[in-house]
Amino acid sequence: MSFYSSKTLPKLLVKDFNLCHTLLCGQLFRVKKIDAWFYVIVKNRILKVRQSSPETLEYHGADKRFLIDFFALDEPYDDIIAHIDKDSHMTRAIKKFHGLRIVRQDPWECLISFICSAAANIPKIQLNLENLSEYFGEKVKLHGLEWHIFPGPGQLNNYKRIVMAKTGFRAKHIKAVNDTVDHSFLSFLNKLPYPEAKKALTQLPGVGSKIADCVLLFSLGFSEAFPIDTWIKKILQELYFKNKTISNGELHAFGRNYFGKYAGYAQQFLYMLAREKK
């Protein structure tokens, strides 16, 4: 039941934004769709949002400033698209998924999310995150929906419960990262050049090249990061390297060099294209 009439719903005018593409492109996992509304757990709140027209977002649980920052609505989208639109493949992906944005999510939750992504699919990652939140996080409510916020650094402090969250071999990495990483470390990464920030992340247990790039791209503002997962490897091979065997390292170098400072946006458009073909 809504607490607002259709005339009094808070609204935000948007341009070049697609809520569905943005929330369902694999960059964050604690999202539920109920009827026309998306519910997103963001830090210590539940954000309830829908796109009632191409130019209008309606929302609860946040203010306009929060939405603009979280959905990166202040970025120069036209410039980003022009920069990555290098060929007919990318032109097609941009046309099909126009309005996709890279959100600015919490770096700590993003880090644990992608540690959970190792050898896992999206439903498995979602299960791990929901279990960890239920076991360690505080409950929040919005319009009859109950959810648990994601526990902060230092709060994932019971190894047995981490295992109970069905995290499998990832449990030891989660516990080790919990015991060594804090918000100041993650904030410090923002001050480093991309290669140094990535090197610092890959020193953490359970964090390889792909996971580090995901954290850098989806939460720390490194738009040049270009994560290589199964889907990206498949679509790059199909579109750019037919009949050639290319290593993940070579694909990563190609993506960053070819698409430049907004390579991460290109990666997301290609990811959506690859998922569509499954």
C-alpha atoms as a PDB file:
ATOM      1  CA  MET A   1       0.000   0.000   0.000  1.00  0.00           C
ATOM      2  CA  SER A   2       1.402   3.397  -0.968  1.00  0.00           C
ATOM      3  CA  PHE A   3       1.554   6.233   1.539  1.00  0.00           C
ATOM      4  CA  TYR A   4       1.413   8.791  -1.283  1.00  0.00           C
ATOM      5  CA  SER A   5      -1.159   9.568  -3.950  1.00  0.00           C
ATOM      6  CA  SER A   6       0.038   9.510  -7.547  1.00  0.00           C
ATOM      7  CA  LYS A   7      -0.027  13.330  -7.492  1.00  0.00           C
ATOM      8  CA  THR A   8       2.226  13.724  -4.438  1.00  0.00           C
ATOM      9  CA  LEU A   9       4.913  11.123  -5.130  1.00  0.00           C
ATOM     10  CA  PRO A  10       8.406  12.662  -4.966  1.00  0.00           C
ATOM     11  CA  LYS A  11       9.751  12.944  -8.507  1.00  0.00           C
ATOM     12  CA  LEU A  12      13.149  13.443 -10.095  1.00  0.00           C
ATOM     13  CA  LEU A  13      13.527  14.481 -13.723  1.00  0.00           C
ATOM     14  CA  VAL A  14      16.198  12.450 -15.515  1.00  0.00           C
ATOM     15  CA  LYS A  15      17.844  12.403 -18.917  1.00  0.00           C
ATOM     16  CA  ASP A  16      19.619   9.491 -20.605  1.00  0.00           C
ATOM     17  CA  PHE A  17      18.791   7.115 -17.773  1.00  0.00           C
ATOM     18  CA  ASN A  18      17.259   3.643 -17.743  1.00  0.00           C
ATOM     19  CA  LEU A  19      16.514   2.316 -14.276  1.00  0.00           C
ATOM     20  CA  CYS A  20      15.981  -1.290 -15.334  1.00  0.00           C
ATOM     21  CA  HIS A  21      19.221  -1.548 -17.333  1.00  0.00           C
ATOM     22  CA  THR A  22      21.136   0.103 -14.496  1.00  0.00           C
ATOM     23  CA  LEU A  23      19.846  -2.115 -11.694  1.00  0.00           C
ATOM     24  CA  LEU A  24      19.898  -5.398 -13.611  1.00  0.00           C
ATOM     25  CA  CYS A  25      23.288  -5.237 -15.324  1.00  0.00           C
ATOM     26  CA  GLY A  26      25.152  -7.298 -12.725  1.00  0.00           C
ATOM     27  CA  GLN A  27      26.901  -4.496 -10.870  1.00  0.00           C
ATOM     28  CA  LEU A  28      24.899  -4.826  -7.642  1.00  0.00           C
ATOM     29  CA  PHE A  29      22.839  -7.635  -6.203  1.00  0.00           C
ATOM     30  CA  ARG A  30      20.487  -6.551  -3.412  1.00  0.00           C
ATOM     31  CA  VAL A  31      17.627  -5.530  -5.680  1.00  0.00           C
ATOM     32  CA  LYS A  32      14.021  -6.744  -5.731  1.00  0.00           C
ATOM     33  CA  LYS A  33      11.295  -5.864  -8.235  1.00  0.00           C
ATOM     34  CA  ILE A  34       7.732  -5.857  -6.950  1.00  0.00           C
ATOM     35  CA  ASP A  35       5.144  -4.746  -9.495  1.00  0.00           C
ATOM     36  CA  ALA A  36       6.522  -1.567 -11.088  1.00  0.00           C
ATOM     37  CA  TRP A  37       8.805  -0.754  -8.149  1.00  0.00           C
ATOM     38  CA  PHE A  38      12.439  -1.608  -7.570  1.00  0.00           C
ATOM     39  CA  TYR A  39      13.584  -1.965  -3.968  1.00  0.00           C
ATOM     40  CA  VAL A  40      17.315  -1.495  -3.422  1.00  0.00           C
ATOM     41  CA  ILE A  41      19.095  -1.831  -0.108  1.00  0.00           C
ATOM     42  CA  VAL A  42      21.682   0.954  -0.076  1.00  0.00           C
ATOM     43  CA  LYS A  43      23.873   1.315   3.006  1.00  0.00           C
ATOM     44  CA  ASN A  44      21.437   1.861   5.889  1.00  0.00           C
ATOM     45  CA  ARG A  45      18.246   2.418   3.903  1.00  0.00           C
ATOM     46  CA  ILE A  46      15.767   0.825   1.542  1.00  0.00           C
ATOM     47  CA  LEU A  47      15.373   2.824  -1.644  1.00  0.00           C
ATOM     48  CA  LYS A  48      12.053   2.337  -3.423  1.00  0.00           C
ATOM     49  CA  VAL A  49      12.116   3.663  -6.983  1.00  0.00           C
ATOM     50  CA  ARG A  50      10.342   3.344 -10.305  1.00  0.00           C
ATOM     51  CA  GLN A  51      10.674   4.984 -13.695  1.00  0.00           C
ATOM     52  CA  SER A  52       7.182   6.198 -14.520  1.00  0.00           C
ATOM     53  CA  SER A  53       8.319   7.766 -17.816  1.00  0.00           C
ATOM     54  CA  PRO A  54      11.659   8.008 -19.660  1.00  0.00           C
ATOM     55  CA  GLU A  55      12.185  11.391 -17.980  1.00  0.00           C
ATOM     56  CA  THR A  56      10.763  10.716 -14.496  1.00  0.00           C
ATOM     57  CA  LEU A  57      11.788   8.747 -11.431  1.00  0.00           C
ATOM     58  CA  GLU A  58       9.380   8.363  -8.509  1.00  0.00           C
ATOM     59  CA  TYR A  59      10.898   7.322  -5.221  1.00  0.00           C
ATOM     60  CA  HIS A  60      10.743   6.804  -1.457  1.00  0.00           C
ATOM     61  CA  GLY A  61      13.454   6.362   1.150  1.00  0.00           C
ATOM     62  CA  ALA A  62      15.936   8.966  -0.127  1.00  0.00           C
ATOM     63  CA  ASP A  63      16.190  12.535  -1.378  1.00  0.00           C
ATOM     64  CA  LYS A  64      17.068  13.908  -4.802  1.00  0.00           C
ATOM     65  CA  ARG A  65      20.698  14.526  -3.910  1.00  0.00           C
ATOM     66  CA  PHE A  66      21.123  10.896  -2.864  1.00  0.00           C
ATOM     67  CA  LEU A  67      19.557   9.583  -6.091  1.00  0.00           C
ATOM     68  CA  ILE A  68      21.683  11.867  -8.276  1.00  0.00           C
ATOM     69  CA  ASP A  69      24.844  10.635  -6.587  1.00  0.00           C
ATOM     70  CA  PHE A  70      23.927   6.948  -6.366  1.00  0.00           C
ATOM     71  CA  PHE A  71      22.794   6.666  -9.986  1.00  0.00           C
ATOM     72  CA  ALA A  72      25.659   8.891 -11.243  1.00  0.00           C
ATOM     73  CA  LEU A  73      23.197  11.268 -12.873  1.00  0.00           C
ATOM     74  CA  ASP A  74      25.763  14.059 -12.672  1.00  0.00           C
ATOM     75  CA  GLU A  75      28.194  12.359 -15.060  1.00  0.00           C
ATOM     76  CA  PRO A  76      28.640  13.652 -18.638  1.00  0.00           C
ATOM     77  CA  TYR A  77      26.701  10.825 -20.249  1.00  0.00           C
ATOM     78  CA  ASP A  78      26.834  12.171 -23.806  1.00  0.00           C
ATOM     79  CA  ASP A  79      30.626  12.460 -23.560  1.00  0.00           C
ATOM     80  CA  ILE A  80      30.938   8.951 -22.129  1.00  0.00           C
ATOM     81  CA  ILE A  81      28.849   7.438 -24.923  1.00  0.00           C
ATOM     82  CA  ALA A  82      30.718   9.364 -27.607  1.00  0.00           C
ATOM     83  CA  HIS A  83      34.033   8.205 -26.149  1.00  0.00           C
ATOM     84  CA  ILE A  84      33.219   4.465 -26.167  1.00  0.00           C
ATOM     85  CA  ASP A  85      31.197   4.351 -29.397  1.00  0.00           C
ATOM     86  CA  LYS A  86      34.117   2.938 -31.385  1.00  0.00           C
ATOM     87  CA  ASP A  87      32.468   0.493 -33.786  1.00  0.00           C
ATOM     88  CA  SER A  88      29.215  -1.076 -34.967  1.00  0.00           C
ATOM     89  CA  HIS A  89      29.207  -3.602 -32.117  1.00  0.00           C
ATOM     90  CA  MET A  90      29.280  -0.920 -29.470  1.00  0.00           C
ATOM     91  CA  THR A  91      26.830   1.251 -31.410  1.00  0.00           C
ATOM     92  CA  ARG A  92      24.366  -1.652 -31.329  1.00  0.00           C
ATOM     93  CA  ALA A  93      24.890  -2.250 -27.602  1.00  0.00           C
ATOM     94  CA  ILE A  94      24.479   1.446 -26.787  1.00  0.00           C
ATOM     95  CA  LYS A  95      21.291   1.697 -28.815  1.00  0.00           C
ATOM     96  CA  LYS A  96      19.782  -1.367 -27.124  1.00  0.00           C
ATOM     97  CA  PHE A  97      20.814  -0.492 -23.557  1.00  0.00           C
ATOM     98  CA  HIS A  98      20.966   3.288 -23.663  1.00  0.00           C
ATOM     99  CA  GLY A  99      20.587   4.886 -20.261  1.00  0.00           C
ATOM    100  CA  LEU A 100      22.625   2.284 -18.392  1.00  0.00           C
ATOM    101  CA  ARG A 101      24.664   3.955 -15.650  1.00  0.00           C
ATOM    102  CA  ILE A 102      27.380   2.714 -13.335  1.00  0.00           C
ATOM    103  CA  VAL A 103      26.136   3.303  -9.805  1.00  0.00           C
ATOM    104  CA  ARG A 104      28.213   4.538  -6.889  1.00  0.00           C
ATOM    105  CA  GLN A 105      27.719   1.791  -4.360  1.00  0.00           C
ATOM    106  CA  ASP A 106      29.298   1.269  -0.965  1.00  0.00           C
ATOM    107  CA  PRO A 107      32.886  -0.015  -1.483  1.00  0.00           C
ATOM    108  CA  TRP A 108      32.790  -2.416   1.475  1.00  0.00           C
ATOM    109  CA  GLU A 109      29.590  -4.152   0.394  1.00  0.00           C
ATOM    110  CA  CYS A 110      30.859  -4.178  -3.194  1.00  0.00           C
ATOM    111  CA  LEU A 111      34.095  -5.858  -2.090  1.00  0.00           C
ATOM    112  CA  ILE A 112      32.334  -8.629  -0.169  1.00  0.00           C
ATOM    113  CA  SER A 113      29.756  -9.019  -2.957  1.00  0.00           C
ATOM    114  CA  PHE A 114      32.391  -9.745  -5.552  1.00  0.00           C
ATOM    115  CA  ILE A 115      34.373 -12.019  -3.243  1.00  0.00           C
ATOM    116  CA  CYS A 116      31.106 -13.972  -3.088  1.00  0.00           C
ATOM    117  CA  SER A 117      30.958 -13.907  -6.911  1.00  0.00           C
ATOM    118  CA  ALA A 118      33.956 -16.232  -7.300  1.00  0.00           C
ATOM    119  CA  ALA A 119      32.745 -19.348  -9.151  1.00  0.00           C
ATOM    120  CA  ALA A 120      29.126 -18.331  -8.517  1.00  0.00           C
ATOM    121  CA  ASN A 121      26.098 -17.123 -10.464  1.00  0.00           C
ATOM    122  CA  ILE A 122      23.881 -14.172  -9.569  1.00  0.00           C
ATOM    123  CA  PRO A 123      21.270 -16.132  -7.546  1.00  0.00           C
ATOM    124  CA  LYS A 124      24.084 -17.688  -5.483  1.00  0.00           C
ATOM    125  CA  ILE A 125      25.674 -14.276  -4.831  1.00  0.00           C
ATOM    126  CA  GLN A 126      22.295 -12.872  -3.805  1.00  0.00           C
ATOM    127  CA  LEU A 127      21.741 -15.783  -1.416  1.00  0.00           C
ATOM    128  CA  ASN A 128      25.140 -15.253   0.211  1.00  0.00           C
ATOM    129  CA  LEU A 129      24.575 -11.519   0.671  1.00  0.00           C
ATOM    130  CA  GLU A 130      21.067 -11.933   2.052  1.00  0.00           C
ATOM    131  CA  ASN A 131      22.259 -14.578   4.519  1.00  0.00           C
ATOM    132  CA  LEU A 132      25.230 -12.495   5.658  1.00  0.00           C
ATOM    133  CA  SER A 133      22.961  -9.486   6.118  1.00  0.00           C
ATOM    134  CA  GLU A 134      20.393 -11.489   8.075  1.00  0.00           C
ATOM    135  CA  TYR A 135      23.036 -13.020  10.360  1.00  0.00           C
ATOM    136  CA  PHE A 136      25.055  -9.848  10.968  1.00  0.00           C
ATOM    137  CA  GLY A 137      23.052  -6.776   9.887  1.00  0.00           C
ATOM    138  CA  GLU A 138      20.342  -4.658  11.482  1.00  0.00           C
ATOM    139  CA  LYS A 139      16.751  -4.770  10.270  1.00  0.00           C
ATOM    140  CA  VAL A 140      15.232  -1.854   8.336  1.00  0.00           C
ATOM    141  CA  LYS A 141      11.664  -1.381   7.086  1.00  0.00           C
ATOM    142  CA  LEU A 142       9.946   0.576   4.338  1.00  0.00           C
ATOM    143  CA  HIS A 143       6.255   0.360   3.413  1.00  0.00           C
ATOM    144  CA  GLY A 144       5.820  -3.109   4.845  1.00  0.00           C
ATOM    145  CA  LEU A 145       9.044  -4.534   3.425  1.00  0.00           C
ATOM    146  CA  GLU A 146      11.628  -5.760   5.929  1.00  0.00           C
ATOM    147  CA  TRP A 147      15.270  -6.139   4.993  1.00  0.00           C
ATOM    148  CA  HIS A 148      18.629  -6.241   6.733  1.00  0.00           C
ATOM    149  CA  ILE A 149      21.353  -3.718   6.015  1.00  0.00           C
ATOM    150  CA  PHE A 150      24.719  -5.096   5.033  1.00  0.00           C
ATOM    151  CA  PRO A 151      27.131  -5.412   7.992  1.00  0.00           C
ATOM    152  CA  GLY A 152      30.067  -3.037   7.994  1.00  0.00           C
ATOM    153  CA  PRO A 153      33.812  -3.764   8.228  1.00  0.00           C
ATOM    154  CA  GLY A 154      34.615  -5.690  11.400  1.00  0.00           C
ATOM    155  CA  GLN A 155      31.047  -6.953  11.826  1.00  0.00           C
ATOM    156  CA  LEU A 156      31.465 -10.187   9.862  1.00  0.00           C
ATOM    157  CA  ASN A 157      33.251 -11.516  12.910  1.00  0.00           C
ATOM    158  CA  ASN A 158      31.891 -15.047  13.364  1.00  0.00           C
ATOM    159  CA  TYR A 159      33.418 -17.593  10.992  1.00  0.00           C
ATOM    160  CA  LYS A 160      30.822 -20.267  11.723  1.00  0.00           C
ATOM    161  CA  ARG A 161      28.005 -17.907  10.811  1.00  0.00           C
ATOM    162  CA  ILE A 162      29.791 -16.863   7.626  1.00  0.00           C
ATOM    163  CA  VAL A 163      29.930 -20.555   6.687  1.00  0.00           C
ATOM    164  CA  MET A 164      26.248 -20.939   7.622  1.00  0.00           C
ATOM    165  CA  ALA A 165      25.517 -18.201   5.079  1.00  0.00           C
ATOM    166  CA  LYS A 166      26.425 -20.811   2.423  1.00  0.00           C
ATOM    167  CA  THR A 167      29.533 -18.948   1.309  1.00  0.00           C
ATOM    168  CA  GLY A 168      31.559 -22.151   0.903  1.00  0.00           C
ATOM    169  CA  PHE A 169      35.268 -21.729   0.198  1.00  0.00           C
ATOM    170  CA  ARG A 170      34.749 -17.956   0.155  1.00  0.00           C
ATOM    171  CA  ALA A 171      34.112 -17.910   3.934  1.00  0.00           C
ATOM    172  CA  LYS A 172      37.786 -17.830   4.874  1.00  0.00           C
ATOM    173  CA  HIS A 173      38.400 -14.927   2.494  1.00  0.00           C
ATOM    174  CA  ILE A 174      35.409 -12.988   3.831  1.00  0.00           C
ATOM    175  CA  LYS A 175      36.565 -13.429   7.426  1.00  0.00           C
ATOM    176  CA  ALA A 176      40.163 -12.487   6.596  1.00  0.00           C
ATOM    177  CA  VAL A 177      39.096  -9.357   4.705  1.00  0.00           C
ATOM    178  CA  ASN A 178      36.711  -8.426   7.515  1.00  0.00           C
ATOM    179  CA  ASP A 179      39.597  -8.609   9.969  1.00  0.00           C
ATOM    180  CA  THR A 180      41.983  -6.469   7.910  1.00  0.00           C
ATOM    181  CA  VAL A 181      39.979  -3.930   5.858  1.00  0.00           C
ATOM    182  CA  ASP A 182      38.257  -0.800   7.118  1.00  0.00           C
ATOM    183  CA  HIS A 183      36.623   2.243   5.534  1.00  0.00           C
ATOM    184  CA  SER A 184      39.841   4.258   5.686  1.00  0.00           C
ATOM    185  CA  PHE A 185      41.652   1.685   3.521  1.00  0.00           C
ATOM    186  CA  LEU A 186      38.890   1.781   0.920  1.00  0.00           C
ATOM    187  CA  SER A 187      38.793   5.596   0.973  1.00  0.00           C
ATOM    188  CA  PHE A 188      42.562   5.708   0.531  1.00  0.00           C
ATOM    189  CA  LEU A 189      42.269   3.716  -2.699  1.00  0.00           C
ATOM    190  CA  ASN A 190      40.465   6.678  -4.266  1.00  0.00           C
ATOM    191  CA  LYS A 191      43.623   8.721  -3.895  1.00  0.00           C
ATOM    192  CA  LEU A 192      45.773   6.246  -5.842  1.00  0.00           C
ATOM    193  CA  PRO A 193      46.287   5.867  -9.592  1.00  0.00           C
ATOM    194  CA  TYR A 194      44.380   2.934 -11.081  1.00  0.00           C
ATOM    195  CA  PRO A 195      47.342   0.468 -11.245  1.00  0.00           C
ATOM    196  CA  GLU A 196      48.288   1.099  -7.611  1.00  0.00           C
ATOM    197  CA  ALA A 197      44.708   0.864  -6.359  1.00  0.00           C
ATOM    198  CA  LYS A 198      44.256  -2.415  -8.191  1.00  0.00           C
ATOM    199  CA  LYS A 199      47.530  -3.774  -6.811  1.00  0.00           C
ATOM    200  CA  ALA A 200      46.447  -2.889  -3.269  1.00  0.00           C
ATOM    201  CA  LEU A 201      43.144  -4.707  -3.691  1.00  0.00           C
ATOM    202  CA  THR A 202      44.716  -7.825  -5.170  1.00  0.00           C
ATOM    203  CA  GLN A 203      46.820  -8.180  -2.038  1.00  0.00           C
ATOM    204  CA  LEU A 204      43.633  -9.047  -0.141  1.00  0.00           C
ATOM    205  CA  PRO A 205      42.627 -12.700   0.348  1.00  0.00           C
ATOM    206  CA  GLY A 206      40.294 -13.931  -2.371  1.00  0.00           C
ATOM    207  CA  VAL A 207      40.688 -10.829  -4.551  1.00  0.00           C
ATOM    208  CA  GLY A 208      42.057 -11.393  -8.023  1.00  0.00           C
ATOM    209  CA  SER A 209      42.168  -9.166 -11.076  1.00  0.00           C
ATOM    210  CA  LYS A 210      38.481  -9.427 -11.975  1.00  0.00           C
ATOM    211  CA  ILE A 211      37.181  -8.844  -8.456  1.00  0.00           C
ATOM    212  CA  ALA A 212      39.524  -5.884  -7.964  1.00  0.00           C
ATOM    213  CA  ASP A 213      38.355  -4.305 -11.214  1.00  0.00           C
ATOM    214  CA  CYS A 214      34.704  -4.771 -10.213  1.00  0.00           C
ATOM    215  CA  VAL A 215      35.288  -2.995  -6.900  1.00  0.00           C
ATOM    216  CA  LEU A 216      37.227  -0.199  -8.587  1.00  0.00           C
ATOM    217  CA  LEU A 217      34.588   0.306 -11.267  1.00  0.00           C
ATOM    218  CA  PHE A 218      31.355  -0.150  -9.351  1.00  0.00           C
ATOM    219  CA  SER A 219      32.191   1.621  -6.107  1.00  0.00           C
ATOM    220  CA  LEU A 220      35.394   3.660  -6.290  1.00  0.00           C
ATOM    221  CA  GLY A 221      34.941   5.678  -9.468  1.00  0.00           C
ATOM    222  CA  PHE A 222      37.678   4.107 -11.605  1.00  0.00           C
ATOM    223  CA  SER A 223      35.815   4.242 -14.904  1.00  0.00           C
ATOM    224  CA  GLU A 224      38.846   2.890 -16.786  1.00  0.00           C
ATOM    225  CA  ALA A 225      38.609  -0.488 -15.000  1.00  0.00           C
ATOM    226  CA  PHE A 226      37.587  -3.323 -17.316  1.00  0.00           C
ATOM    227  CA  PRO A 227      36.633  -6.528 -15.443  1.00  0.00           C
ATOM    228  CA  ILE A 228      37.001  -9.762 -17.396  1.00  0.00           C
ATOM    229  CA  ASP A 229      34.484 -12.445 -16.469  1.00  0.00           C
ATOM    230  CA  THR A 230      33.077 -15.368 -18.448  1.00  0.00           C
ATOM    231  CA  TRP A 231      30.480 -13.229 -20.202  1.00  0.00           C
ATOM    232  CA  ILE A 232      32.908 -10.502 -21.239  1.00  0.00           C
ATOM    233  CA  LYS A 233      35.482 -13.019 -22.416  1.00  0.00           C
ATOM    234  CA  LYS A 234      32.841 -14.729 -24.552  1.00  0.00           C
ATOM    235  CA  ILE A 235      31.512 -11.553 -26.163  1.00  0.00           C
ATOM    236  CA  LEU A 236      34.975 -10.102 -26.819  1.00  0.00           C
ATOM    237  CA  GLN A 237      36.082 -13.333 -28.464  1.00  0.00           C
ATOM    238  CA  GLU A 238      32.933 -13.413 -30.573  1.00  0.00           C
ATOM    239  CA  LEU A 239      32.989  -9.784 -31.688  1.00  0.00           C
ATOM    240  CA  TYR A 240      36.680  -8.844 -31.784  1.00  0.00           C
ATOM    241  CA  PHE A 241      38.861 -11.957 -31.764  1.00  0.00           C
ATOM    242  CA  LYS A 242      37.148 -14.664 -33.800  1.00  0.00           C
ATOM    243  CA  ASN A 243      39.270 -17.779 -34.324  1.00  0.00           C
ATOM    244  CA  LYS A 244      41.959 -16.478 -31.955  1.00  0.00           C
ATOM    245  CA  THR A 245      42.912 -17.640 -28.497  1.00  0.00           C
ATOM    246  CA  ILE A 246      43.312 -14.604 -26.260  1.00  0.00           C
ATOM    247  CA  SER A 247      44.214 -14.660 -22.566  1.00  0.00           C
ATOM    248  CA  ASN A 248      42.254 -12.748 -19.930  1.00  0.00           C
ATOM    249  CA  GLY A 249      45.199 -10.410 -19.513  1.00  0.00           C
ATOM    250  CA  GLU A 250      45.256  -9.617 -23.216  1.00  0.00           C
ATOM    251  CA  LEU A 251      41.484  -9.058 -23.249  1.00  0.00           C
ATOM    252  CA  HIS A 252      41.800  -6.724 -20.277  1.00  0.00           C
ATOM    253  CA  ALA A 253      44.553  -4.734 -21.991  1.00  0.00           C
ATOM    254  CA  PHE A 254      42.516  -4.575 -25.199  1.00  0.00           C
ATOM    255  CA  GLY A 255      39.426  -3.297 -23.402  1.00  0.00           C
ATOM    256  CA  ARG A 256      41.271  -0.576 -21.515  1.00  0.00           C
ATOM    257  CA  ASN A 257      43.347   0.557 -24.483  1.00  0.00           C
ATOM    258  CA  TYR A 258      40.579   0.401 -27.064  1.00  0.00           C
ATOM    259  CA  PHE A 259      37.807   2.061 -25.056  1.00  0.00           C
ATOM    260  CA  GLY A 260      39.997   4.369 -22.988  1.00  0.00           C
ATOM    261  CA  LYS A 261      39.080   6.277 -19.857  1.00  0.00           C
ATOM    262  CA  TYR A 262      35.455   5.055 -19.904  1.00  0.00           C
ATOM    263  CA  ALA A 263      36.277   1.430 -20.638  1.00  0.00           C
ATOM    264  CA  GLY A 264      34.165   0.348 -17.666  1.00  0.00           C
ATOM    265  CA  TYR A 265      31.046   1.697 -19.320  1.00  0.00           C
ATOM    266  CA  ALA A 266      31.896  -0.199 -22.498  1.00  0.00           C
ATOM    267  CA  GLN A 267      32.328  -3.331 -20.404  1.00  0.00           C
ATOM    268  CA  GLN A 268      28.827  -2.986 -18.989  1.00  0.00           C
ATOM    269  CA  PHE A 269      27.226  -2.497 -22.389  1.00  0.00           C
ATOM    270  CA  LEU A 270      29.074  -5.557 -23.686  1.00  0.00           C
ATOM    271  CA  TYR A 271      28.037  -7.544 -20.609  1.00  0.00           C
ATOM    272  CA  MET A 272      24.382  -6.773 -21.289  1.00  0.00           C
ATOM    273  CA  LEU A 273      24.829  -7.767 -24.928  1.00  0.00           C
ATOM    274  CA  ALA A 274      26.420 -11.051 -23.899  1.00  0.00           C
ATOM    275  CA  ARG A 275      23.699 -11.860 -21.351  1.00  0.00           C
ATOM    276  CA  GLU A 276      21.027 -11.207 -23.967  1.00  0.00           C
ATOM    277  CA  LYS A 277      22.534 -13.925 -26.153  1.00  0.00           C
ATOM    278  CA  LYS A 278      22.444 -16.646 -23.465  1.00  0.00           C
END
